[in-house]
Amino acid sequence: MGMSTLLITAYAKAPQNTSMYENNKYAGIVLEIHKESHIIINAEFTFLTKLAQDFFKRMIVGYDFSKDINPLIEEITTVFLAPSQQAVIVALKIAHQRYEDRLREINKK
């Protein structure tokens, strides 16, 4: 049974005195990525509102996660004006690093 996708999670500490911190303590992301195309096919975030969850899902689904994520981070800094912006970016960077590490591991075999 070979799954065609993999799931990556990453978390970063949410800024204090925000609703995200009060409810979760962390900004979290969960990404489902197609193994061959490296395209993010589904995503969830630990935002409190459905609008924020939907906004980020629309922004990130379809992105090739094997590529440089700086353009995605630049877009986040431009369109996501909230106290938790940096926590979201850190979580995304952690997920991306985890994915790159996995790709290197696969390529060594």
N, C-alpha and C. Protein backbone atom coordinates (compact mmCIF):
# COMPACT_ATOMS: atom_id res chain seq x y z
N MET A 1 0.85 -1.19 0.00
CA MET A 1 0.00 0.00 0.00
C MET A 1 0.89 1.24 0.00
N GLY A 2 1.04 1.85 -1.12
CA GLY A 2 1.89 3.03 -1.21
C GLY A 2 1.08 4.30 -1.37
N MET A 3 1.13 5.12 -0.36
CA MET A 3 0.44 6.42 -0.42
C MET A 3 1.15 7.31 -1.43
N SER A 4 0.41 8.09 -2.17
CA SER A 4 1.01 9.01 -3.14
C SER A 4 1.30 10.37 -2.51
N THR A 5 0.89 10.55 -1.25
CA THR A 5 1.13 11.81 -0.56
C THR A 5 1.81 11.57 0.77
N LEU A 6 2.35 12.63 1.32
CA LEU A 6 2.88 12.56 2.69
C LEU A 6 2.36 13.76 3.47
N LEU A 7 2.41 13.63 4.78
CA LEU A 7 1.88 14.66 5.68
C LEU A 7 3.03 15.22 6.50
N ILE A 8 3.13 16.53 6.52
CA ILE A 8 4.17 17.21 7.30
C ILE A 8 3.49 18.18 8.25
N THR A 9 3.95 18.19 9.49
CA THR A 9 3.45 19.16 10.46
C THR A 9 4.61 19.99 10.99
N ALA A 10 4.30 21.20 11.40
CA ALA A 10 5.32 22.07 12.00
C ALA A 10 4.61 23.09 12.88
N TYR A 11 5.31 23.49 13.93
CA TYR A 11 4.75 24.42 14.90
C TYR A 11 5.78 25.46 15.28
N ALA A 12 5.29 26.64 15.64
CA ALA A 12 6.13 27.71 16.17
C ALA A 12 5.34 28.40 17.27
N LYS A 13 6.03 28.91 18.24
CA LYS A 13 5.37 29.56 19.37
C LYS A 13 4.60 30.80 18.90
N ALA A 14 3.36 30.87 19.31
CA ALA A 14 2.53 32.03 18.97
C ALA A 14 2.92 33.22 19.84
N PRO A 15 2.73 34.42 19.34
CA PRO A 15 3.06 35.59 20.14
C PRO A 15 2.11 35.72 21.34
N GLN A 16 2.67 36.08 22.46
CA GLN A 16 1.85 36.25 23.67
C GLN A 16 0.86 37.39 23.48
N ASN A 17 -0.21 37.32 24.27
CA ASN A 17 -1.28 38.33 24.24
C ASN A 17 -2.06 38.33 22.92
N THR A 18 -2.09 37.17 22.27
CA THR A 18 -2.92 37.02 21.08
C THR A 18 -3.89 35.88 21.34
N SER A 19 -4.98 35.85 20.62
CA SER A 19 -5.94 34.76 20.78
C SER A 19 -5.33 33.41 20.39
N MET A 20 -4.41 33.42 19.42
CA MET A 20 -3.76 32.18 19.04
C MET A 20 -2.97 31.62 20.22
N TYR A 21 -2.26 32.49 20.91
CA TYR A 21 -1.47 32.05 22.06
C TYR A 21 -2.39 31.57 23.19
N GLU A 22 -3.44 32.31 23.46
CA GLU A 22 -4.34 31.97 24.55
C GLU A 22 -5.03 30.62 24.31
N ASN A 23 -5.30 30.29 23.07
CA ASN A 23 -6.01 29.04 22.76
C ASN A 23 -5.09 27.87 22.45
N ASN A 24 -4.00 28.11 21.75
CA ASN A 24 -3.16 27.01 21.28
C ASN A 24 -1.72 27.06 21.74
N LYS A 25 -1.23 28.24 22.08
CA LYS A 25 0.17 28.48 22.43
C LYS A 25 1.10 28.40 21.22
N TYR A 26 0.66 27.75 20.14
CA TYR A 26 1.50 27.57 18.96
C TYR A 26 0.73 27.86 17.68
N ALA A 27 1.48 28.29 16.68
CA ALA A 27 0.96 28.35 15.32
C ALA A 27 1.36 27.04 14.68
N GLY A 28 0.40 26.33 14.17
CA GLY A 28 0.69 25.04 13.57
C GLY A 28 0.20 24.95 12.15
N ILE A 29 0.95 24.20 11.34
CA ILE A 29 0.52 23.93 9.98
C ILE A 29 0.63 22.43 9.72
N VAL A 30 -0.27 21.95 8.92
CA VAL A 30 -0.26 20.56 8.48
C VAL A 30 -0.40 20.61 6.96
N LEU A 31 0.55 19.99 6.28
CA LEU A 31 0.56 20.03 4.82
C LEU A 31 0.53 18.62 4.26
N GLU A 32 -0.34 18.40 3.29
CA GLU A 32 -0.34 17.14 2.54
C GLU A 32 0.28 17.45 1.18
N ILE A 33 1.36 16.72 0.88
CA ILE A 33 2.14 17.01 -0.32
C ILE A 33 2.22 15.77 -1.19
N HIS A 34 1.99 15.96 -2.49
CA HIS A 34 2.12 14.86 -3.44
C HIS A 34 3.60 14.52 -3.57
N LYS A 35 3.94 13.25 -3.40
CA LYS A 35 5.34 12.82 -3.36
C LYS A 35 6.10 13.06 -4.66
N GLU A 36 5.45 12.88 -5.79
CA GLU A 36 6.16 13.01 -7.07
C GLU A 36 6.20 14.44 -7.59
N SER A 37 5.10 15.17 -7.46
CA SER A 37 5.05 16.53 -8.00
C SER A 37 5.49 17.58 -6.99
N HIS A 38 5.52 17.21 -5.71
CA HIS A 38 5.89 18.11 -4.61
C HIS A 38 4.87 19.23 -4.41
N ILE A 39 3.71 19.09 -4.99
CA ILE A 39 2.67 20.11 -4.89
C ILE A 39 1.88 19.91 -3.59
N ILE A 40 1.64 21.01 -2.88
CA ILE A 40 0.80 20.96 -1.69
C ILE A 40 -0.63 20.79 -2.18
N ILE A 41 -1.27 19.69 -1.76
CA ILE A 41 -2.63 19.43 -2.23
C ILE A 41 -3.68 19.71 -1.16
N ASN A 42 -3.24 19.85 0.10
CA ASN A 42 -4.17 20.20 1.17
C ASN A 42 -3.38 20.81 2.30
N ALA A 43 -4.03 21.67 3.08
CA ALA A 43 -3.34 22.35 4.16
C ALA A 43 -4.32 22.74 5.25
N GLU A 44 -3.84 22.69 6.49
CA GLU A 44 -4.61 23.17 7.64
C GLU A 44 -3.71 24.01 8.51
N PHE A 45 -4.31 24.99 9.15
CA PHE A 45 -3.59 25.89 10.04
C PHE A 45 -4.36 26.02 11.35
N THR A 46 -3.68 26.36 12.42
CA THR A 46 -4.34 26.46 13.73
C THR A 46 -4.90 27.85 14.00
N PHE A 47 -5.43 28.48 12.98
CA PHE A 47 -6.08 29.76 13.18
C PHE A 47 -7.44 29.55 13.82
N LEU A 48 -7.89 30.56 14.55
CA LEU A 48 -9.17 30.44 15.23
C LEU A 48 -10.35 30.65 14.30
N THR A 49 -10.19 31.47 13.29
CA THR A 49 -11.32 31.76 12.41
C THR A 49 -11.26 30.93 11.13
N LYS A 50 -12.40 30.57 10.64
CA LYS A 50 -12.48 29.82 9.40
C LYS A 50 -11.99 30.67 8.22
N LEU A 51 -12.19 31.97 8.30
CA LEU A 51 -11.73 32.85 7.22
C LEU A 51 -10.21 32.80 7.10
N ALA A 52 -9.51 32.90 8.23
CA ALA A 52 -8.04 32.84 8.19
C ALA A 52 -7.57 31.48 7.70
N GLN A 53 -8.22 30.41 8.15
CA GLN A 53 -7.85 29.07 7.71
C GLN A 53 -8.04 28.94 6.21
N ASP A 54 -9.17 29.42 5.70
CA ASP A 54 -9.47 29.34 4.27
C ASP A 54 -8.51 30.21 3.47
N PHE A 55 -8.20 31.40 3.96
CA PHE A 55 -7.31 32.32 3.29
C PHE A 55 -5.95 31.68 3.05
N PHE A 56 -5.39 31.09 4.12
CA PHE A 56 -4.07 30.47 3.98
C PHE A 56 -4.12 29.21 3.13
N LYS A 57 -5.18 28.48 3.24
CA LYS A 57 -5.30 27.27 2.43
C LYS A 57 -5.29 27.64 0.95
N ARG A 58 -6.04 28.68 0.58
CA ARG A 58 -6.06 29.11 -0.81
C ARG A 58 -4.70 29.64 -1.26
N MET A 59 -3.96 30.25 -0.34
CA MET A 59 -2.66 30.79 -0.69
C MET A 59 -1.62 29.70 -0.93
N ILE A 60 -1.71 28.62 -0.19
CA ILE A 60 -0.61 27.63 -0.18
C ILE A 60 -0.89 26.39 -1.02
N VAL A 61 -2.15 25.99 -1.16
CA VAL A 61 -2.46 24.81 -1.97
C VAL A 61 -2.07 25.09 -3.42
N GLY A 62 -1.36 24.15 -4.01
CA GLY A 62 -0.89 24.30 -5.38
C GLY A 62 0.57 24.72 -5.47
N TYR A 63 1.16 25.08 -4.32
CA TYR A 63 2.56 25.52 -4.31
C TYR A 63 3.49 24.32 -4.38
N ASP A 64 4.53 24.42 -5.18
CA ASP A 64 5.54 23.36 -5.28
C ASP A 64 6.49 23.50 -4.10
N PHE A 65 6.38 22.60 -3.13
CA PHE A 65 7.12 22.72 -1.88
C PHE A 65 8.58 22.30 -2.01
N SER A 66 8.97 21.83 -3.19
CA SER A 66 10.38 21.51 -3.40
C SER A 66 11.16 22.76 -3.83
N LYS A 67 10.45 23.81 -4.14
CA LYS A 67 11.07 25.06 -4.59
C LYS A 67 11.36 25.98 -3.41
N ASP A 68 12.05 27.06 -3.70
CA ASP A 68 12.33 28.11 -2.72
C ASP A 68 11.00 28.68 -2.20
N ILE A 69 10.88 28.81 -0.89
CA ILE A 69 9.62 29.33 -0.35
C ILE A 69 9.67 30.84 -0.09
N ASN A 70 10.76 31.48 -0.43
CA ASN A 70 10.84 32.93 -0.21
C ASN A 70 9.73 33.72 -0.91
N PRO A 71 9.34 33.38 -2.15
CA PRO A 71 8.22 34.10 -2.75
C PRO A 71 6.92 33.93 -1.94
N LEU A 72 6.71 32.76 -1.40
CA LEU A 72 5.53 32.52 -0.57
C LEU A 72 5.61 33.33 0.72
N ILE A 73 6.78 33.37 1.33
CA ILE A 73 6.97 34.15 2.55
C ILE A 73 6.76 35.64 2.28
N GLU A 74 7.26 36.12 1.15
CA GLU A 74 7.05 37.52 0.78
C GLU A 74 5.57 37.83 0.63
N GLU A 75 4.83 36.90 0.03
CA GLU A 75 3.39 37.11 -0.12
C GLU A 75 2.71 37.14 1.25
N ILE A 76 3.12 36.26 2.14
CA ILE A 76 2.54 36.24 3.50
C ILE A 76 2.79 37.58 4.19
N THR A 77 4.00 38.11 4.09
CA THR A 77 4.30 39.38 4.76
C THR A 77 3.53 40.54 4.15
N THR A 78 3.13 40.39 2.89
CA THR A 78 2.38 41.44 2.21
C THR A 78 0.88 41.39 2.51
N VAL A 79 0.34 40.18 2.61
CA VAL A 79 -1.13 40.06 2.70
C VAL A 79 -1.66 39.60 4.05
N PHE A 80 -0.78 39.17 4.94
CA PHE A 80 -1.23 38.69 6.25
C PHE A 80 -0.70 39.63 7.32
N LEU A 81 -1.52 40.59 7.70
CA LEU A 81 -1.12 41.63 8.63
C LEU A 81 -1.72 41.33 10.00
N ALA A 82 -1.02 40.49 10.75
CA ALA A 82 -1.51 40.06 12.06
C ALA A 82 -0.33 39.82 12.99
N PRO A 83 -0.56 39.86 14.29
CA PRO A 83 0.53 39.62 15.24
C PRO A 83 1.19 38.25 15.08
N SER A 84 0.46 37.28 14.58
CA SER A 84 1.00 35.92 14.45
C SER A 84 1.74 35.69 13.14
N GLN A 85 1.96 36.74 12.36
CA GLN A 85 2.61 36.60 11.06
C GLN A 85 3.95 35.86 11.16
N GLN A 86 4.81 36.27 12.06
CA GLN A 86 6.14 35.66 12.16
C GLN A 86 6.05 34.20 12.60
N ALA A 87 5.13 33.89 13.50
CA ALA A 87 4.97 32.50 13.94
C ALA A 87 4.56 31.61 12.77
N VAL A 88 3.69 32.10 11.93
CA VAL A 88 3.25 31.34 10.75
C VAL A 88 4.43 31.13 9.81
N ILE A 89 5.23 32.17 9.61
CA ILE A 89 6.39 32.06 8.73
C ILE A 89 7.40 31.07 9.28
N VAL A 90 7.65 31.12 10.59
CA VAL A 90 8.59 30.18 11.21
C VAL A 90 8.09 28.74 11.04
N ALA A 91 6.81 28.51 11.29
CA ALA A 91 6.26 27.16 11.14
C ALA A 91 6.40 26.69 9.69
N LEU A 92 6.14 27.57 8.75
CA LEU A 92 6.28 27.22 7.33
C LEU A 92 7.73 26.88 6.99
N LYS A 93 8.67 27.65 7.51
CA LYS A 93 10.09 27.37 7.27
C LYS A 93 10.51 26.03 7.87
N ILE A 94 10.00 25.72 9.05
CA ILE A 94 10.31 24.43 9.69
C ILE A 94 9.76 23.29 8.83
N ALA A 95 8.52 23.43 8.36
CA ALA A 95 7.93 22.39 7.51
C ALA A 95 8.73 22.23 6.23
N HIS A 96 9.15 23.33 5.65
CA HIS A 96 9.92 23.27 4.40
C HIS A 96 11.27 22.59 4.62
N GLN A 97 11.94 22.92 5.73
CA GLN A 97 13.22 22.29 6.04
C GLN A 97 13.04 20.79 6.25
N ARG A 98 11.97 20.43 6.94
CA ARG A 98 11.67 19.01 7.17
C ARG A 98 11.46 18.29 5.84
N TYR A 99 10.76 18.95 4.92
CA TYR A 99 10.51 18.36 3.61
C TYR A 99 11.81 18.22 2.81
N GLU A 100 12.64 19.26 2.81
CA GLU A 100 13.92 19.18 2.11
C GLU A 100 14.79 18.07 2.69
N ASP A 101 14.81 17.93 4.00
CA ASP A 101 15.58 16.85 4.63
C ASP A 101 15.09 15.49 4.15
N ARG A 102 13.78 15.34 4.05
CA ARG A 102 13.20 14.08 3.59
C ARG A 102 13.59 13.80 2.13
N LEU A 103 13.57 14.83 1.29
CA LEU A 103 13.96 14.65 -0.11
C LEU A 103 15.42 14.22 -0.21
N ARG A 104 16.29 14.83 0.58
CA ARG A 104 17.71 14.44 0.57
C ARG A 104 17.87 13.00 1.01
N GLU A 105 17.12 12.61 2.03
CA GLU A 105 17.17 11.24 2.54
C GLU A 105 16.74 10.24 1.46
N ILE A 106 15.70 10.57 0.74
CA ILE A 106 15.19 9.70 -0.33
C ILE A 106 16.23 9.61 -1.46
N ASN A 107 16.84 10.74 -1.80
CA ASN A 107 17.80 10.76 -2.90
C ASN A 107 19.08 10.00 -2.59
N LYS A 108 19.41 9.80 -1.31
CA LYS A 108 20.60 9.04 -0.92
C LYS A 108 20.41 7.55 -1.16
N LYS A 109 19.18 7.11 -1.16
CA LYS A 109 18.91 5.66 -1.30
C LYS A 109 19.15 5.19 -2.69
